[in-house]
PDB file of N, CA and C in Angstrom:
ATOM      1  N   UNK A   1       0.845  -1.182   0.000  1.00  0.00           N
ATOM      2  CA  UNK A   1       0.000   0.000   0.000  1.00  0.00           C
ATOM      3  C   UNK A   1       0.891   1.245   0.000  1.00  0.00           C
ATOM      4  N   UNK A   2       0.553   2.206  -0.841  1.00  0.00           N
ATOM      5  CA  UNK A   2       1.333   3.439  -0.945  1.00  0.00           C
ATOM      6  C   UNK A   2       1.069   4.338   0.247  1.00  0.00           C
ATOM      7  N   UNK A   3       2.054   5.134   0.593  1.00  0.00           N
ATOM      8  CA  UNK A   3       1.911   6.082   1.692  1.00  0.00           C
ATOM      9  C   UNK A   3       0.981   7.217   1.277  1.00  0.00           C
ATOM     10  N   UNK A   4       0.247   7.734   2.244  1.00  0.00           N
ATOM     11  CA  UNK A   4      -0.623   8.878   1.996  1.00  0.00           C
ATOM     12  C   UNK A   4       0.238  10.129   1.835  1.00  0.00           C
ATOM     13  N   UNK A   5      -0.204  11.013   0.942  1.00  0.00           N
ATOM     14  CA  UNK A   5       0.485  12.287   0.715  1.00  0.00           C
ATOM     15  C   UNK A   5      -0.442  13.406   1.160  1.00  0.00           C
ATOM     16  N   UNK A   6       0.075  14.296   2.009  1.00  0.00           N
ATOM     17  CA  UNK A   6      -0.703  15.421   2.524  1.00  0.00           C
ATOM     18  C   UNK A   6       0.043  16.715   2.233  1.00  0.00           C
ATOM     19  N   UNK A   7      -0.669  17.697   1.691  1.00  0.00           N
ATOM     20  CA  UNK A   7      -0.102  19.025   1.480  1.00  0.00           C
ATOM     21  C   UNK A   7      -0.614  19.938   2.590  1.00  0.00           C
ATOM     22  N   UNK A   8       0.301  20.625   3.260  1.00  0.00           N
ATOM     23  CA  UNK A   8      -0.058  21.578   4.305  1.00  0.00           C
ATOM     24  C   UNK A   8      -0.346  22.930   3.668  1.00  0.00           C
ATOM     25  N   UNK A   9      -1.422  23.565   4.093  1.00  0.00           N
ATOM     26  CA  UNK A   9      -1.808  24.881   3.589  1.00  0.00           C
ATOM     27  C   UNK A   9      -2.082  25.792   4.778  1.00  0.00           C
ATOM     28  N   UNK A  10      -1.787  27.067   4.615  1.00  0.00           N
ATOM     29  CA  UNK A  10      -2.065  28.022   5.676  1.00  0.00           C
ATOM     30  C   UNK A  10      -1.133  29.212   5.624  1.00  0.00           C
ATOM     31  N   UNK A  11      -1.277  30.071   6.596  1.00  0.00           N
ATOM     32  CA  UNK A  11      -0.511  31.306   6.668  1.00  0.00           C
ATOM     33  C   UNK A  11       0.950  31.060   7.040  1.00  0.00           C
ATOM     34  N   UNK A  12       1.824  31.809   6.372  1.00  0.00           N
ATOM     35  CA  UNK A  12       3.262  31.707   6.671  1.00  0.00           C
ATOM     36  C   UNK A  12       3.581  32.143   8.102  1.00  0.00           C
ATOM     37  N   UNK A  13       2.687  32.908   8.727  1.00  0.00           N
ATOM     38  CA  UNK A  13       2.974  33.356  10.092  1.00  0.00           C
ATOM     39  C   UNK A  13       2.970  32.201  11.087  1.00  0.00           C
ATOM     40  N   UNK A  14       2.473  31.027  10.656  1.00  0.00           N
ATOM     41  CA  UNK A  14       2.459  29.845  11.518  1.00  0.00           C
ATOM     42  C   UNK A  14       3.510  28.826  11.095  1.00  0.00           C
ATOM     43  N   UNK A  15       4.636  29.303  10.613  1.00  0.00           N
ATOM     44  CA  UNK A  15       5.701  28.419  10.127  1.00  0.00           C
ATOM     45  C   UNK A  15       6.122  27.401  11.181  1.00  0.00           C
ATOM     46  N   UNK A  16       6.163  27.800  12.434  1.00  0.00           N
ATOM     47  CA  UNK A  16       6.547  26.880  13.505  1.00  0.00           C
ATOM     48  C   UNK A  16       5.562  25.730  13.649  1.00  0.00           C
ATOM     49  N   UNK A  17       4.272  26.022  13.507  1.00  0.00           N
ATOM     50  CA  UNK A  17       3.250  24.985  13.588  1.00  0.00           C
ATOM     51  C   UNK A  17       3.387  24.038  12.396  1.00  0.00           C
ATOM     52  N   UNK A  18       3.661  24.587  11.211  1.00  0.00           N
ATOM     53  CA  UNK A  18       3.876  23.761  10.032  1.00  0.00           C
ATOM     54  C   UNK A  18       4.982  22.741  10.290  1.00  0.00           C
ATOM     55  N   UNK A  19       6.089  23.196  10.863  1.00  0.00           N
ATOM     56  CA  UNK A  19       7.228  22.303  11.127  1.00  0.00           C
ATOM     57  C   UNK A  19       6.841  21.188  12.095  1.00  0.00           C
ATOM     58  N   UNK A  20       6.125  21.548  13.141  1.00  0.00           N
ATOM     59  CA  UNK A  20       5.699  20.554  14.138  1.00  0.00           C
ATOM     60  C   UNK A  20       4.752  19.539  13.516  1.00  0.00           C
ATOM     61  N   UNK A  21       3.777  20.012  12.760  1.00  0.00           N
ATOM     62  CA  UNK A  21       2.801  19.121  12.124  1.00  0.00           C
ATOM     63  C   UNK A  21       3.502  18.225  11.101  1.00  0.00           C
ATOM     64  N   UNK A  22       4.387  18.803  10.305  1.00  0.00           N
ATOM     65  CA  UNK A  22       5.106  18.014   9.299  1.00  0.00           C
ATOM     66  C   UNK A  22       5.914  16.894   9.957  1.00  0.00           C
ATOM     67  N   UNK A  23       6.564  17.215  11.042  1.00  0.00           N
ATOM     68  CA  UNK A  23       7.366  16.210  11.765  1.00  0.00           C
ATOM     69  C   UNK A  23       6.461  15.101  12.315  1.00  0.00           C
ATOM     70  N   UNK A  24       5.343  15.480  12.914  1.00  0.00           N
ATOM     71  CA  UNK A  24       4.406  14.508  13.484  1.00  0.00           C
ATOM     72  C   UNK A  24       3.847  13.583  12.403  1.00  0.00           C
ATOM     73  N   UNK A  25       3.406  14.160  11.290  1.00  0.00           N
ATOM     74  CA  UNK A  25       2.849  13.350  10.210  1.00  0.00           C
ATOM     75  C   UNK A  25       3.903  12.445   9.585  1.00  0.00           C
ATOM     76  N   UNK A  26       5.102  12.976   9.406  1.00  0.00           N
ATOM     77  CA  UNK A  26       6.189  12.179   8.832  1.00  0.00           C
ATOM     78  C   UNK A  26       6.505  10.966   9.694  1.00  0.00           C
ATOM     79  N   UNK A  27       6.473  11.142  11.003  1.00  0.00           N
ATOM     80  CA  UNK A  27       6.709  10.022  11.915  1.00  0.00           C
ATOM     81  C   UNK A  27       5.646   8.943  11.767  1.00  0.00           C
ATOM     82  N   UNK A  28       4.467   9.315  11.285  1.00  0.00           N
ATOM     83  CA  UNK A  28       3.374   8.365  11.070  1.00  0.00           C
ATOM     84  C   UNK A  28       3.444   7.712   9.682  1.00  0.00           C
ATOM     85  N   UNK A  29       4.479   8.056   8.917  1.00  0.00           N
ATOM     86  CA  UNK A  29       4.639   7.472   7.584  1.00  0.00           C
ATOM     87  C   UNK A  29       3.911   8.219   6.485  1.00  0.00           C
ATOM     88  N   UNK A  30       3.460   9.418   6.773  1.00  0.00           N
ATOM     89  CA  UNK A  30       2.754  10.238   5.786  1.00  0.00           C
ATOM     90  C   UNK A  30       3.773  11.128   5.074  1.00  0.00           C
ATOM     91  N   UNK A  31       3.655  11.203   3.755  1.00  0.00           N
ATOM     92  CA  UNK A  31       4.508  12.091   2.966  1.00  0.00           C
ATOM     93  C   UNK A  31       3.910  13.491   3.048  1.00  0.00           C
ATOM     94  N   UNK A  32       4.713  14.450   3.476  1.00  0.00           N
ATOM     95  CA  UNK A  32       4.223  15.809   3.710  1.00  0.00           C
ATOM     96  C   UNK A  32       4.826  16.767   2.687  1.00  0.00           C
ATOM     97  N   UNK A  33       3.958  17.521   2.030  1.00  0.00           N
ATOM     98  CA  UNK A  33       4.363  18.585   1.115  1.00  0.00           C
ATOM     99  C   UNK A  33       3.936  19.900   1.758  1.00  0.00           C
ATOM    100  N   UNK A  34       4.834  20.857   1.795  1.00  0.00           N
ATOM    101  CA  UNK A  34       4.548  22.115   2.483  1.00  0.00           C
ATOM    102  C   UNK A  34       5.005  23.297   1.632  1.00  0.00           C
ATOM    103  N   UNK A  35       4.445  24.469   1.912  1.00  0.00           N
ATOM    104  CA  UNK A  35       4.906  25.661   1.199  1.00  0.00           C
ATOM    105  C   UNK A  35       6.331  26.016   1.606  1.00  0.00           C
ATOM    106  N   UNK A  36       6.958  26.856   0.805  1.00  0.00           N
ATOM    107  CA  UNK A  36       8.299  27.348   1.104  1.00  0.00           C
ATOM    108  C   UNK A  36       8.168  28.544   2.030  1.00  0.00           C
ATOM    109  N   UNK A  37       8.883  28.504   3.141  1.00  0.00           N
ATOM    110  CA  UNK A  37       8.903  29.622   4.081  1.00  0.00           C
ATOM    111  C   UNK A  37      10.287  30.242   4.041  1.00  0.00           C
ATOM    112  N   UNK A  38      10.358  31.440   3.501  1.00  0.00           N
ATOM    113  CA  UNK A  38      11.656  32.102   3.402  1.00  0.00           C
ATOM    114  C   UNK A  38      11.458  33.610   3.496  1.00  0.00           C
ATOM    115  N   UNK A  39      12.303  34.235   4.263  1.00  0.00           N
ATOM    116  CA  UNK A  39      12.229  35.687   4.436  1.00  0.00           C
ATOM    117  C   UNK A  39      12.753  36.434   3.214  1.00  0.00           C
ATOM    118  N   UNK A  40      13.492  35.742   2.349  1.00  0.00           N
ATOM    119  CA  UNK A  40      14.110  36.425   1.209  1.00  0.00           C
ATOM    120  C   UNK A  40      13.273  36.350  -0.076  1.00  0.00           C
ATOM    121  N   UNK A  41      12.009  35.986   0.041  1.00  0.00           N
ATOM    122  CA  UNK A  41      11.120  35.982  -1.124  1.00  0.00           C
ATOM    123  C   UNK A  41      10.672  37.422  -1.332  1.00  0.00           C
ATOM    124  N   UNK A  42      11.279  38.090  -2.327  1.00  0.00           N
ATOM    125  CA  UNK A  42      11.046  39.512  -2.462  1.00  0.00           C
ATOM    126  C   UNK A  42      10.245  39.899  -3.692  1.00  0.00           C
ATOM    127  N   UNK A  43      10.400  39.168  -4.780  1.00  0.00           N
ATOM    128  CA  UNK A  43       9.769  39.618  -6.007  1.00  0.00           C
ATOM    129  C   UNK A  43       8.389  39.001  -6.195  1.00  0.00           C
ATOM    130  N   UNK A  44       7.547  39.734  -6.868  1.00  0.00           N
ATOM    131  CA  UNK A  44       6.206  39.252  -7.177  1.00  0.00           C
ATOM    132  C   UNK A  44       6.287  38.002  -8.042  1.00  0.00           C
ATOM    133  N   UNK A  45       7.202  37.972  -8.981  1.00  0.00           N
ATOM    134  CA  UNK A  45       7.349  36.808  -9.857  1.00  0.00           C
ATOM    135  C   UNK A  45       7.720  35.563  -9.054  1.00  0.00           C
ATOM    136  N   UNK A  46       8.599  35.714  -8.082  1.00  0.00           N
ATOM    137  CA  UNK A  46       8.987  34.579  -7.250  1.00  0.00           C
ATOM    138  C   UNK A  46       7.804  34.080  -6.435  1.00  0.00           C
ATOM    139  N   UNK A  47       7.067  34.996  -5.848  1.00  0.00           N
ATOM    140  CA  UNK A  47       5.901  34.630  -5.048  1.00  0.00           C
ATOM    141  C   UNK A  47       4.871  33.916  -5.924  1.00  0.00           C
ATOM    142  N   UNK A  48       4.599  34.433  -7.107  1.00  0.00           N
ATOM    143  CA  UNK A  48       3.634  33.800  -8.009  1.00  0.00           C
ATOM    144  C   UNK A  48       4.109  32.406  -8.423  1.00  0.00           C
ATOM    145  N   UNK A  49       5.395  32.253  -8.672  1.00  0.00           N
ATOM    146  CA  UNK A  49       5.942  30.952  -9.024  1.00  0.00           C
ATOM    147  C   UNK A  49       5.787  29.948  -7.892  1.00  0.00           C
ATOM    148  N   UNK A  50       6.040  30.386  -6.671  1.00  0.00           N
ATOM    149  CA  UNK A  50       5.877  29.500  -5.518  1.00  0.00           C
ATOM    150  C   UNK A  50       4.410  29.125  -5.303  1.00  0.00           C
ATOM    151  N   UNK A  51       3.504  30.042  -5.571  1.00  0.00           N
ATOM    152  CA  UNK A  51       2.072  29.733  -5.453  1.00  0.00           C
ATOM    153  C   UNK A  51       1.667  28.677  -6.478  1.00  0.00           C
ATOM    154  N   UNK A  52       2.152  28.829  -7.720  1.00  0.00           N
ATOM    155  CA  UNK A  52       1.847  27.819  -8.747  1.00  0.00           C
ATOM    156  C   UNK A  52       2.393  26.461  -8.333  1.00  0.00           C
ATOM    157  N   UNK A  53       3.596  26.449  -7.794  1.00  0.00           N
ATOM    158  CA  UNK A  53       4.197  25.203  -7.330  1.00  0.00           C
ATOM    159  C   UNK A  53       3.371  24.595  -6.206  1.00  0.00           C
ATOM    160  N   UNK A  54       2.864  25.436  -5.315  1.00  0.00           N
ATOM    161  CA  UNK A  54       2.069  24.928  -4.201  1.00  0.00           C
ATOM    162  C   UNK A  54       0.776  24.280  -4.701  1.00  0.00           C
ATOM    163  N   UNK A  55       0.154  24.841  -5.724  1.00  0.00           N
ATOM    164  CA  UNK A  55      -1.041  24.215  -6.301  1.00  0.00           C
ATOM    165  C   UNK A  55      -0.698  22.860  -6.917  1.00  0.00           C
ATOM    166  N   UNK A  56       0.482  22.732  -7.481  1.00  0.00           N
ATOM    167  CA  UNK A  56       0.927  21.427  -8.000  1.00  0.00           C
ATOM    168  C   UNK A  56       1.094  20.432  -6.851  1.00  0.00           C
ATOM    169  N   UNK A  57       1.556  20.916  -5.702  1.00  0.00           N
ATOM    170  CA  UNK A  57       1.662  20.045  -4.524  1.00  0.00           C
ATOM    171  C   UNK A  57       0.278  19.545  -4.106  1.00  0.00           C
ATOM    172  N   UNK A  58      -0.721  20.409  -4.207  1.00  0.00           N
ATOM    173  CA  UNK A  58      -2.091  19.989  -3.917  1.00  0.00           C
ATOM    174  C   UNK A  58      -2.517  18.905  -4.904  1.00  0.00           C
ATOM    175  N   UNK A  59      -2.160  19.073  -6.183  1.00  0.00           N
ATOM    176  CA  UNK A  59      -2.481  18.060  -7.191  1.00  0.00           C
ATOM    177  C   UNK A  59      -1.889  16.703  -6.829  1.00  0.00           C
ATOM    178  N   UNK A  60      -0.684  16.694  -6.306  1.00  0.00           N
ATOM    179  CA  UNK A  60       0.008  15.448  -5.965  1.00  0.00           C
ATOM    180  C   UNK A  60      -0.547  14.774  -4.717  1.00  0.00           C
ATOM    181  N   UNK A  61      -1.219  15.538  -3.874  1.00  0.00           N
ATOM    182  CA  UNK A  61      -1.646  15.048  -2.556  1.00  0.00           C
ATOM    183  C   UNK A  61      -2.955  14.273  -2.612  1.00  0.00           C
ATOM    184  N   UNK A  62      -3.117  13.414  -1.610  1.00  0.00           N
ATOM    185  CA  UNK A  62      -4.393  12.745  -1.380  1.00  0.00           C
ATOM    186  C   UNK A  62      -5.327  13.666  -0.596  1.00  0.00           C
ATOM    187  N   UNK A  63      -4.726  14.552   0.208  1.00  0.00           N
ATOM    188  CA  UNK A  63      -5.500  15.444   1.082  1.00  0.00           C
ATOM    189  C   UNK A  63      -4.689  16.697   1.361  1.00  0.00           C
ATOM    190  N   UNK A  64      -5.406  17.742   1.819  1.00  0.00           N
ATOM    191  CA  UNK A  64      -4.704  18.908   2.350  1.00  0.00           C
ATOM    192  C   UNK A  64      -5.050  19.014   3.828  1.00  0.00           C
ATOM    193  N   UNK A  65      -4.117  19.551   4.573  1.00  0.00           N
ATOM    194  CA  UNK A  65      -4.337  19.860   5.981  1.00  0.00           C
ATOM    195  C   UNK A  65      -4.166  21.363   6.130  1.00  0.00           C
ATOM    196  N   UNK A  66      -5.257  22.036   6.451  1.00  0.00           N
ATOM    197  CA  UNK A  66      -5.254  23.487   6.606  1.00  0.00           C
ATOM    198  C   UNK A  66      -4.784  23.813   8.019  1.00  0.00           C
ATOM    199  N   UNK A  67      -3.664  24.523   8.106  1.00  0.00           N
ATOM    200  CA  UNK A  67      -3.126  24.950   9.400  1.00  0.00           C
ATOM    201  C   UNK A  67      -3.836  26.254   9.751  1.00  0.00           C
ATOM    202  N   UNK A  68      -4.951  26.119  10.445  1.00  0.00           N
ATOM    203  CA  UNK A  68      -5.829  27.251  10.776  1.00  0.00           C
ATOM    204  C   UNK A  68      -5.768  27.530  12.279  1.00  0.00           C
ATOM    205  N   UNK A  69      -4.633  27.980  12.722  1.00  0.00           N
ATOM    206  CA  UNK A  69      -4.432  28.274  14.140  1.00  0.00           C
ATOM    207  C   UNK A  69      -5.469  29.307  14.579  1.00  0.00           C
ATOM    208  N   UNK A  70      -6.183  28.999  15.666  1.00  0.00           N
ATOM    209  CA  UNK A  70      -7.259  29.861  16.179  1.00  0.00           C
ATOM    210  C   UNK A  70      -8.321  30.125  15.114  1.00  0.00           C
ATOM    211  N   UNK A  71      -8.473  29.207  14.156  1.00  0.00           N
ATOM    212  CA  UNK A  71      -9.480  29.338  13.115  1.00  0.00           C
ATOM    213  C   UNK A  71      -9.121  30.291  11.990  1.00  0.00           C
ATOM    214  N   UNK A  72      -7.903  30.836  11.998  1.00  0.00           N
ATOM    215  CA  UNK A  72      -7.517  31.825  10.978  1.00  0.00           C
ATOM    216  C   UNK A  72      -7.257  31.148   9.629  1.00  0.00           C
ATOM    217  N   UNK A  73      -7.953  31.642   8.598  1.00  0.00           N
ATOM    218  CA  UNK A  73      -7.725  31.204   7.224  1.00  0.00           C
ATOM    219  C   UNK A  73      -7.657  32.455   6.360  1.00  0.00           C
ATOM    220  N   UNK A  74      -6.486  32.724   5.792  1.00  0.00           N
ATOM    221  CA  UNK A  74      -6.290  33.899   4.951  1.00  0.00           C
ATOM    222  C   UNK A  74      -6.829  33.699   3.537  1.00  0.00           C
ATOM    223  N   UNK A  75      -6.797  34.751   2.762  1.00  0.00           N
ATOM    224  CA  UNK A  75      -7.357  34.728   1.406  1.00  0.00           C
ATOM    225  C   UNK A  75      -6.654  33.713   0.504  1.00  0.00           C
ATOM    226  N   UNK A  76      -5.330  33.655   0.540  1.00  0.00           N
ATOM    227  CA  UNK A  76      -4.610  32.697  -0.299  1.00  0.00           C
ATOM    228  C   UNK A  76      -4.981  31.267   0.090  1.00  0.00           C
ATOM    229  N   UNK A  77      -5.082  31.018   1.373  1.00  0.00           N
ATOM    230  CA  UNK A  77      -5.443  29.677   1.842  1.00  0.00           C
ATOM    231  C   UNK A  77      -6.870  29.330   1.416  1.00  0.00           C
ATOM    232  N   UNK A  78      -7.767  30.302   1.429  1.00  0.00           N
ATOM    233  CA  UNK A  78      -9.130  30.060   0.955  1.00  0.00           C
ATOM    234  C   UNK A  78      -9.123  29.628  -0.510  1.00  0.00           C
ATOM    235  N   UNK A  79      -8.247  30.250  -1.306  1.00  0.00           N
ATOM    236  CA  UNK A  79      -8.124  29.860  -2.711  1.00  0.00           C
ATOM    237  C   UNK A  79      -7.598  28.430  -2.843  1.00  0.00           C
ATOM    238  N   UNK A  80      -6.654  28.068  -1.974  1.00  0.00           N
ATOM    239  CA  UNK A  80      -6.106  26.709  -1.997  1.00  0.00           C
ATOM    240  C   UNK A  80      -7.180  25.683  -1.614  1.00  0.00           C
ATOM    241  N   UNK A  81      -8.028  26.015  -0.644  1.00  0.00           N
ATOM    242  CA  UNK A  81      -9.112  25.122  -0.239  1.00  0.00           C
ATOM    243  C   UNK A  81     -10.099  24.945  -1.401  1.00  0.00           C
ATOM    244  N   UNK A  82     -10.472  26.044  -2.047  1.00  0.00           N
ATOM    245  CA  UNK A  82     -11.386  25.965  -3.197  1.00  0.00           C
ATOM    246  C   UNK A  82     -10.785  25.084  -4.289  1.00  0.00           C
ATOM    247  N   UNK A  83      -9.502  25.269  -4.550  1.00  0.00           N
ATOM    248  CA  UNK A  83      -8.824  24.470  -5.566  1.00  0.00           C
ATOM    249  C   UNK A  83      -8.835  22.986  -5.184  1.00  0.00           C
ATOM    250  N   UNK A  84      -8.524  22.702  -3.928  1.00  0.00           N
ATOM    251  CA  UNK A  84      -8.509  21.315  -3.459  1.00  0.00           C
ATOM    252  C   UNK A  84      -9.899  20.684  -3.596  1.00  0.00           C
ATOM    253  N   UNK A  85     -10.932  21.427  -3.304  1.00  0.00           N
ATOM    254  CA  UNK A  85     -12.305  20.914  -3.459  1.00  0.00           C
ATOM    255  C   UNK A  85     -12.584  20.558  -4.919  1.00  0.00           C
ATOM    256  N   UNK A  86     -12.185  21.465  -5.822  1.00  0.00           N
ATOM    257  CA  UNK A  86     -12.400  21.198  -7.254  1.00  0.00           C
ATOM    258  C   UNK A  86     -11.645  19.954  -7.716  1.00  0.00           C
ATOM    259  N   UNK A  87     -10.536  19.672  -7.054  1.00  0.00           N
ATOM    260  CA  UNK A  87      -9.725  18.497  -7.400  1.00  0.00           C
ATOM    261  C   UNK A  87     -10.174  17.254  -6.624  1.00  0.00           C
ATOM    262  N   UNK A  88     -11.233  17.380  -5.845  1.00  0.00           N
ATOM    263  CA  UNK A  88     -11.800  16.272  -5.054  1.00  0.00           C
ATOM    264  C   UNK A  88     -10.809  15.714  -4.035  1.00  0.00           C
ATOM    265  N   UNK A  89     -10.082  16.620  -3.387  1.00  0.00           N
ATOM    266  CA  UNK A  89      -9.136  16.233  -2.339  1.00  0.00           C
ATOM    267  C   UNK A  89      -9.842  16.254  -0.990  1.00  0.00           C
ATOM    268  N   UNK A  90      -9.430  15.376  -0.118  1.00  0.00           N
ATOM    269  CA  UNK A  90      -9.918  15.413   1.253  1.00  0.00           C
ATOM    270  C   UNK A  90      -9.321  16.660   1.909  1.00  0.00           C
ATOM    271  N   UNK A  91     -10.133  17.361   2.703  1.00  0.00           N
ATOM    272  CA  UNK A  91      -9.674  18.590   3.361  1.00  0.00           C
ATOM    273  C   UNK A  91      -9.829  18.414   4.862  1.00  0.00           C
ATOM    274  N   UNK A  92      -8.728  18.581   5.578  1.00  0.00           N
ATOM    275  CA  UNK A  92      -8.720  18.462   7.038  1.00  0.00           C
ATOM    276  C   UNK A  92      -8.278  19.795   7.621  1.00  0.00           C
ATOM    277  N   UNK A  93      -8.703  20.053   8.860  1.00  0.00           N
ATOM    278  CA  UNK A  93      -8.397  21.314   9.529  1.00  0.00           C
ATOM    279  C   UNK A  93      -7.656  21.061  10.837  1.00  0.00           C
ATOM    280  N   UNK A  94      -6.549  21.745  10.988  1.00  0.00           N
ATOM    281  CA  UNK A  94      -5.707  21.625  12.181  1.00  0.00           C
ATOM    282  C   UNK A  94      -6.496  21.956  13.448  1.00  0.00           C
ATOM    283  N   UNK A  95      -7.276  23.031  13.429  1.00  0.00           N
ATOM    284  CA  UNK A  95      -7.978  23.452  14.655  1.00  0.00           C
ATOM    285  C   UNK A  95      -8.968  22.394  15.127  1.00  0.00           C
ATOM    286  N   UNK A  96      -9.660  21.747  14.199  1.00  0.00           N
ATOM    287  CA  UNK A  96     -10.623  20.700  14.575  1.00  0.00           C
ATOM    288  C   UNK A  96      -9.905  19.469  15.100  1.00  0.00           C
ATOM    289  N   UNK A  97      -8.786  19.127  14.479  1.00  0.00           N
ATOM    290  CA  UNK A  97      -8.011  17.972  14.927  1.00  0.00           C
ATOM    291  C   UNK A  97      -7.420  18.246  16.314  1.00  0.00           C
ATOM    292  N   UNK A  98      -6.960  19.455  16.519  1.00  0.00           N
ATOM    293  CA  UNK A  98      -6.373  19.857  17.802  1.00  0.00           C
ATOM    294  C   UNK A  98      -7.423  19.803  18.902  1.00  0.00           C
ATOM    295  N   UNK A  99      -8.675  20.105  18.537  1.00  0.00           N
ATOM    296  CA  UNK A  99      -9.769  20.098  19.513  1.00  0.00           C
ATOM    297  C   UNK A  99     -10.316  18.695  19.743  1.00  0.00           C
ATOM    298  N   UNK A 100      -9.754  17.715  19.043  1.00  0.00           N
ATOM    299  CA  UNK A 100     -10.184  16.340  19.239  1.00  0.00           C
ATOM    300  C   UNK A 100     -11.217  15.847  18.238  1.00  0.00           C
ATOM    301  N   UNK A 101     -11.579  16.696  17.274  1.00  0.00           N
ATOM    302  CA  UNK A 101     -12.534  16.281  16.259  1.00  0.00           C
ATOM    303  C   UNK A 101     -11.841  15.632  15.081  1.00  0.00           C
ATOM    304  N   UNK A 102     -12.627  15.205  14.126  1.00  0.00           N
ATOM    305  CA  UNK A 102     -12.072  14.563  12.938  1.00  0.00           C
ATOM    306  C   UNK A 102     -11.345  15.567  12.054  1.00  0.00           C
ATOM    307  N   UNK A 103     -11.835  16.798  12.016  1.00  0.00           N
ATOM    308  CA  UNK A 103     -11.178  17.833  11.258  1.00  0.00           C
ATOM    309  C   UNK A 103     -11.291  17.683   9.755  1.00  0.00           C
ATOM    310  N   UNK A 104     -12.218  16.852   9.282  1.00  0.00           N
ATOM    311  CA  UNK A 104     -12.338  16.604   7.841  1.00  0.00           C
ATOM    312  C   UNK A 104     -13.526  17.348   7.286  1.00  0.00           C
ATOM    313  N   UNK A 105     -13.328  17.971   6.118  1.00  0.00           N
ATOM    314  CA  UNK A 105     -14.373  18.707   5.406  1.00  0.00           C
ATOM    315  C   UNK A 105     -14.855  17.850   4.239  1.00  0.00           C
TER     316      UNK A 105
END
């Protein structure tokens, strides 16, 4: 059986949470794809290129996990969720999982 692939989506301001979640999922044998977090992303072209790459990561995934700390979901993340829905991906939410729920949309 192939390993599940999960793409993490959410605000860059929660980079620390992304790292913790990625480590936890990886320990469970899940392949984790995450956005690039870098302070030196300066140009609009670079940002747009990274966004396109992130949508490709969603294409590769079986599911996305939305890192919605305190329920926060920004505009870019909302677009990623809409895209994942159109691609028929399972959508899970960090806040619901953290609260003990299934966290699946």
